[in-house]
Protein backbone atom coordinates (compact mmCIF):
# COMPACT_ATOMS: atom_id res chain seq x y z
CA MET A 1 107.95 112.66 119.16
CA ALA A 2 109.83 109.29 118.63
CA SER A 3 107.41 107.74 120.54
CA GLU A 4 103.88 108.54 118.24
CA LYS A 5 105.60 107.58 115.87
CA LYS A 6 106.12 104.01 117.04
CA ASN A 7 102.14 103.80 118.63
CA THR A 8 101.06 104.58 114.84
CA ALA A 9 102.60 102.27 113.14
CA ARG A 10 101.27 99.56 111.09
CA PRO A 11 100.24 96.42 113.54
CA GLY A 12 103.14 93.82 113.65
CA ARG A 13 103.17 90.63 111.40
CA TRP A 14 102.26 88.17 114.66
CA LEU A 15 99.45 90.68 114.79
CA ARG A 16 98.60 89.91 110.69
CA ILE A 17 99.02 86.23 111.29
CA LEU A 18 97.03 85.89 114.10
CA LEU A 19 93.86 87.38 112.67
CA PHE A 20 94.72 85.41 109.83
CA MET A 21 93.92 82.65 111.80
CA SER A 22 90.85 83.31 114.13
CA LEU A 23 89.31 84.11 109.86
CA ALA A 24 91.11 81.14 109.19
CA LEU A 25 89.60 79.08 112.02
CA ASN A 26 85.84 81.06 112.25
CA LEU A 27 86.05 79.59 108.57
CA LEU A 28 86.29 76.52 109.29
CA VAL A 29 83.87 76.38 112.32
CA VAL A 30 80.92 77.84 110.01
CA GLY A 31 81.51 75.37 107.26
CA ALA A 32 81.26 72.66 109.67
CA ALA A 33 77.60 73.71 110.82
CA VAL A 34 76.64 74.21 107.31
CA GLY A 35 77.86 70.46 107.03
CA PHE A 36 75.86 69.48 109.69
CA PHE A 37 73.06 71.40 108.76
CA LEU A 38 72.91 70.45 105.21
CA ASN A 39 74.33 66.31 105.82
CA GLY A 40 72.76 65.33 109.40
CA PRO A 41 74.38 63.77 112.13
CA PRO A 42 77.43 61.40 111.20
CA ALA A 43 76.09 57.77 111.92
CA PRO A 44 77.16 57.02 115.24
CA ARG A 45 79.48 53.98 115.20
CA GLY A 46 78.95 50.69 116.90
CA ASP A 47 75.75 52.22 118.75
CA ARG A 48 72.89 49.38 118.38
CA SER A 49 71.17 50.78 121.60
CA ASP A 50 68.98 51.97 119.24
CA PRO A 51 67.04 49.87 116.82
CA VAL A 52 66.23 52.24 113.98
CA LEU A 53 69.55 52.98 112.92
CA PRO A 54 69.97 49.51 110.78
CA TYR A 55 66.43 50.76 108.43
CA THR A 56 68.60 53.99 108.55
CA ARG A 57 71.70 53.27 107.53
CA ALA A 58 70.32 51.05 104.93
CA PHE A 59 69.26 53.64 102.67
CA ASP A 60 71.20 54.94 99.89
CA GLU A 61 72.55 59.00 100.56
CA ASP A 62 69.80 60.50 98.47
CA GLN A 63 67.15 58.14 100.43
CA ARG A 64 68.77 59.60 103.68
CA ARG A 65 68.34 62.85 102.47
CA GLU A 66 64.92 62.54 101.19
CA LEU A 67 64.01 60.94 104.11
CA ARG A 68 65.78 64.35 106.56
CA ARG A 69 63.59 65.74 104.62
CA GLY A 70 59.80 64.41 105.20
CA LEU A 71 61.51 63.79 109.02
CA TRP A 72 61.67 67.80 108.85
CA ARG A 73 58.42 68.85 107.35
CA ALA A 74 56.41 65.95 109.83
CA MET A 75 58.08 67.70 112.57
CA ARG A 76 59.16 71.08 111.65
CA LYS A 77 55.62 72.82 113.27
CA ASP A 78 56.28 71.49 116.33
CA ALA A 79 60.17 71.96 116.27
CA GLY A 80 60.00 75.28 118.38
CA THR A 81 57.43 74.69 121.02
CA MET A 82 59.10 71.44 121.18
CA ARG A 83 62.88 72.39 121.72
CA ALA A 84 61.62 75.39 124.24
CA GLY A 85 59.55 72.20 126.44
CA TYR A 86 63.61 69.98 126.02
CA LEU A 87 65.40 73.47 127.24
CA ALA A 88 63.33 73.95 130.14
CA ASP A 89 63.03 69.84 131.04
CA TYR A 90 66.86 70.56 131.08
CA GLN A 91 66.53 74.11 132.83
CA ARG A 92 64.43 71.76 135.51
CA GLY A 93 66.66 69.39 136.33
CA LEU A 94 69.54 71.28 136.52
CA ASP A 95 67.05 72.71 139.19
CA LEU A 96 66.76 70.02 141.18
CA LEU A 97 70.25 68.45 141.15
CA ARG A 98 71.19 71.71 142.70
CA GLN A 99 68.55 71.46 145.24
CA ASP A 100 69.71 70.35 149.10
CA PRO A 101 67.80 67.88 149.58
CA PHE A 102 67.64 66.06 146.38
CA ASP A 103 64.93 64.71 145.38
CA GLN A 104 65.02 61.82 143.25
CA ALA A 105 60.56 61.16 142.87
CA ALA A 106 60.71 64.07 140.80
CA LEU A 107 64.02 64.06 139.20
CA ALA A 108 62.47 60.36 138.54
CA ALA A 109 59.43 62.42 137.56
CA LEU A 110 61.56 64.75 135.06
CA LEU A 111 63.34 61.75 133.23
CA ALA A 112 59.79 59.81 132.78
CA ASP A 113 58.13 63.26 130.96
CA GLN A 114 61.29 63.58 128.64
CA ALA A 115 61.39 60.24 128.03
CA ALA A 116 57.55 59.99 126.99
CA ARG A 117 58.49 63.01 124.74
CA GLY A 118 61.18 61.31 123.00
CA VAL A 119 58.33 58.32 122.15
CA GLU A 120 56.04 60.77 120.63
CA VAL A 121 59.12 62.11 118.50
CA ARG A 122 60.19 58.52 117.88
CA ALA A 123 56.87 57.51 116.59
CA ARG A 124 56.06 60.87 114.42
CA GLY A 125 59.86 59.15 112.64
CA GLN A 126 58.74 55.70 112.05
CA GLU A 127 55.63 56.82 110.35
CA VAL A 128 57.92 59.24 108.24
CA LEU A 129 59.54 55.75 107.80
CA LEU A 130 56.45 54.08 107.44
CA LYS A 131 55.34 56.41 104.17
CA PHE A 132 58.47 56.23 102.65
CA LEU A 133 59.31 52.55 102.55
CA ALA A 134 55.01 51.94 101.19
CA GLU A 135 55.90 55.59 98.17
CA MET A 136 59.35 52.79 96.79
CA SER A 137 58.95 50.67 94.47
CA PRO A 138 58.87 46.90 94.49
CA GLU A 139 62.33 47.19 93.15
CA GLU A 140 63.43 50.29 95.09
CA ARG A 141 61.77 48.03 98.17
CA ARG A 142 63.75 44.88 97.64
CA ALA A 143 67.48 46.85 97.30
CA TYR A 144 66.64 48.06 99.82
CA ALA A 145 66.07 45.23 102.36
CA ASP A 146 69.57 43.58 100.91
CA ARG A 147 71.05 46.71 101.82
CA LEU A 148 68.84 46.29 104.92
CA GLU A 149 70.42 42.51 105.46
CA SER A 150 73.62 43.62 104.63
CA GLU A 151 73.45 45.76 107.40
CA LEU A 152 72.29 43.45 110.32
CA GLU A 153 74.96 41.15 108.75
CA ARG A 154 78.11 43.45 109.38
CA MET A 155 76.69 44.31 113.48
CA ARG A 156 76.10 40.69 113.89
CA SER A 157 79.82 39.96 112.95
CA ARG A 158 80.53 42.51 114.98
CA GLY A 159 78.59 41.52 118.17
CA ASN A 160 80.39 38.47 117.40
CA ARG A 161 83.79 40.51 117.65
CA ARG A 162 82.94 41.70 121.03
CA ASP A 163 81.39 39.40 122.42
CA GLY A 164 83.27 35.98 121.38
CA ASP A 165 81.67 33.00 119.60
CA LYS A 166 78.98 30.67 119.98
CA ASP A 167 81.45 28.46 121.96
CA GLY A 168 81.94 30.88 124.70
CA ARG A 169 85.56 31.85 123.06
CA GLN A 170 87.06 35.12 122.90
CA SER A 171 86.80 35.91 119.86
CA PRO A 172 90.60 37.51 119.16
CA LYS A 173 91.26 41.16 118.32
CA PRO A 174 91.88 42.88 114.96
CA PRO A 175 95.36 44.27 114.12
CA ARG A 176 95.50 47.88 115.83
CA ASP A 177 97.55 50.33 112.59
């Protein structure tokens, strides 16, 4: 009888703490996902491999938000098909990677197809960007050009710090905090 009372007792304090922690973690994850969806991905730091980055970084926050909306409107009708195509390509890539013998030519063809699809998406994005810039007033475009110039100067200075100065000497590294 004593064992029956013990089994029907309330959950222990540690279980309640664990459940609270789980709820807090879930809320944190949901909040991060919603924030990512509303604000878009964070701007990559130090990645100069994409030539469009300075153009997008030069917009103010409201302009970036409006540009994202324009991109979404331009892409949304094809978004499901595009996503399904990308996922199918990645699955095909997984299949090719697991094959024995490895078919390098087939994977190269798949990567080329993915790159071509990426060029199409990039072209759509450039159309939206050009339309967005054309709809700006001359004053807004001049202010944007000033911000773009500042962004390019930041990129130059970061590149000089990493690559060394014009004489080929390595620039001193900034002190770490």
